[in-house]
Amino acid sequence: MECINAQDEEWAEDWKLIVEIFDTIDHFESLLNKLDVNFLREVHQKVLTLNMKKYAWSLQNYIIEKYSNEKI
């Protein structure tokens, strides 16, 4: 039973970190949106935030897969 509780706690901690990463990306994106920059820089900023979100989604999928494949 302790193994299940430890796994639940580990999953909860990992999931909390994923949520923090998404929140940080959202905050970063809102800060970038406040800048008055030319079109090319705006496009680069959008590409940057999309790549960060894509990476965060891959981390999220990794966490889901990691804990769904573990034996209880």
C-alpha atoms as a PDB file:
ATOM      1  CA  MET A   1       0.000   0.000   0.000  1.00  0.00           C
ATOM      2  CA  GLU A   2       2.917   2.336   0.696  1.00  0.00           C
ATOM      3  CA  CYS A   3       4.110   1.809  -2.880  1.00  0.00           C
ATOM      4  CA  ILE A   4       0.791   3.110  -4.234  1.00  0.00           C
ATOM      5  CA  ASN A   5       0.899   6.148  -1.959  1.00  0.00           C
ATOM      6  CA  ALA A   6       4.489   6.910  -2.951  1.00  0.00           C
ATOM      7  CA  GLN A   7       3.577   6.587  -6.625  1.00  0.00           C
ATOM      8  CA  ASP A   8       0.547   8.861  -6.128  1.00  0.00           C
ATOM      9  CA  GLU A   9       2.692  11.456  -4.386  1.00  0.00           C
ATOM     10  CA  GLU A  10       5.337  11.284  -7.110  1.00  0.00           C
ATOM     11  CA  TRP A  11       2.679  11.647  -9.812  1.00  0.00           C
ATOM     12  CA  ALA A  12       1.101  14.603  -8.004  1.00  0.00           C
ATOM     13  CA  GLU A  13       4.467  16.344  -7.717  1.00  0.00           C
ATOM     14  CA  ASP A  14       5.282  15.761 -11.391  1.00  0.00           C
ATOM     15  CA  TRP A  15       1.841  16.990 -12.429  1.00  0.00           C
ATOM     16  CA  LYS A  16       2.216  20.096 -10.258  1.00  0.00           C
ATOM     17  CA  LEU A  17       5.480  20.876 -12.055  1.00  0.00           C
ATOM     18  CA  ILE A  18       3.834  20.446 -15.465  1.00  0.00           C
ATOM     19  CA  VAL A  19       1.080  22.884 -14.463  1.00  0.00           C
ATOM     20  CA  GLU A  20       3.714  25.376 -13.257  1.00  0.00           C
ATOM     21  CA  ILE A  21       5.546  25.069 -16.575  1.00  0.00           C
ATOM     22  CA  PHE A  22       2.361  25.857 -18.518  1.00  0.00           C
ATOM     23  CA  ASP A  23       1.603  28.783 -16.191  1.00  0.00           C
ATOM     24  CA  THR A  24       5.129  30.116 -16.666  1.00  0.00           C
ATOM     25  CA  ILE A  25       4.832  29.878 -20.446  1.00  0.00           C
ATOM     26  CA  ASP A  26       1.505  31.732 -20.308  1.00  0.00           C
ATOM     27  CA  HIS A  27       3.077  34.450 -18.161  1.00  0.00           C
ATOM     28  CA  PHE A  28       6.064  34.712 -20.498  1.00  0.00           C
ATOM     29  CA  GLU A  29       3.731  34.968 -23.489  1.00  0.00           C
ATOM     30  CA  SER A  30       1.713  37.748 -21.832  1.00  0.00           C
ATOM     31  CA  LEU A  31       4.919  39.677 -21.134  1.00  0.00           C
ATOM     32  CA  LEU A  32       6.014  39.335 -24.755  1.00  0.00           C
ATOM     33  CA  ASN A  33       2.614  40.563 -25.924  1.00  0.00           C
ATOM     34  CA  LYS A  34       3.178  43.805 -24.023  1.00  0.00           C
ATOM     35  CA  LEU A  35       6.216  44.626 -26.144  1.00  0.00           C
ATOM     36  CA  ASP A  36       5.848  46.895 -29.140  1.00  0.00           C
ATOM     37  CA  VAL A  37       8.109  45.179 -31.680  1.00  0.00           C
ATOM     38  CA  ASN A  38       8.222  44.870 -35.438  1.00  0.00           C
ATOM     39  CA  PHE A  39       6.366  42.114 -37.265  1.00  0.00           C
ATOM     40  CA  LEU A  40       9.396  39.849 -37.671  1.00  0.00           C
ATOM     41  CA  ARG A  41      10.160  39.866 -33.943  1.00  0.00           C
ATOM     42  CA  GLU A  42       6.497  39.226 -33.210  1.00  0.00           C
ATOM     43  CA  VAL A  43       6.598  36.152 -35.433  1.00  0.00           C
ATOM     44  CA  HIS A  44       9.774  34.940 -33.713  1.00  0.00           C
ATOM     45  CA  GLN A  45       8.127  35.387 -30.325  1.00  0.00           C
ATOM     46  CA  LYS A  46       5.121  33.353 -31.431  1.00  0.00           C
ATOM     47  CA  VAL A  47       7.381  30.589 -32.751  1.00  0.00           C
ATOM     48  CA  LEU A  48       9.310  30.600 -29.481  1.00  0.00           C
ATOM     49  CA  THR A  49       6.189  30.301 -27.336  1.00  0.00           C
ATOM     50  CA  LEU A  50       4.715  27.624 -29.602  1.00  0.00           C
ATOM     51  CA  ASN A  51       7.914  25.582 -29.324  1.00  0.00           C
ATOM     52  CA  MET A  52       7.887  25.929 -25.535  1.00  0.00           C
ATOM     53  CA  LYS A  53       4.240  24.803 -25.421  1.00  0.00           C
ATOM     54  CA  LYS A  54       5.016  21.907 -27.729  1.00  0.00           C
ATOM     55  CA  TYR A  55       7.824  20.806 -25.422  1.00  0.00           C
ATOM     56  CA  ALA A  56       5.578  21.159 -22.357  1.00  0.00           C
ATOM     57  CA  TRP A  57       2.907  19.046 -24.056  1.00  0.00           C
ATOM     58  CA  SER A  58       5.506  16.373 -24.770  1.00  0.00           C
ATOM     59  CA  LEU A  59       6.518  16.445 -21.082  1.00  0.00           C
ATOM     60  CA  GLN A  60       2.869  16.149 -20.106  1.00  0.00           C
ATOM     61  CA  ASN A  61       2.435  13.146 -22.384  1.00  0.00           C
ATOM     62  CA  TYR A  62       5.604  11.598 -20.975  1.00  0.00           C
ATOM     63  CA  ILE A  63       4.287  11.956 -17.414  1.00  0.00           C
ATOM     64  CA  ILE A  64       0.918  10.472 -18.377  1.00  0.00           C
ATOM     65  CA  GLU A  65       2.596   7.565 -20.149  1.00  0.00           C
ATOM     66  CA  LYS A  66       5.095   7.019 -17.336  1.00  0.00           C
ATOM     67  CA  TYR A  67       2.455   6.580 -14.676  1.00  0.00           C
ATOM     68  CA  SER A  68      -0.080   4.745 -16.818  1.00  0.00           C
ATOM     69  CA  ASN A  69       2.527   2.065 -17.671  1.00  0.00           C
ATOM     70  CA  GLU A  70       3.723   1.476 -14.108  1.00  0.00           C
ATOM     71  CA  LYS A  71       2.466  -1.663 -12.412  1.00  0.00           C
ATOM     72  CA  ILE A  72       0.488  -1.242  -9.235  1.00  0.00           C
END
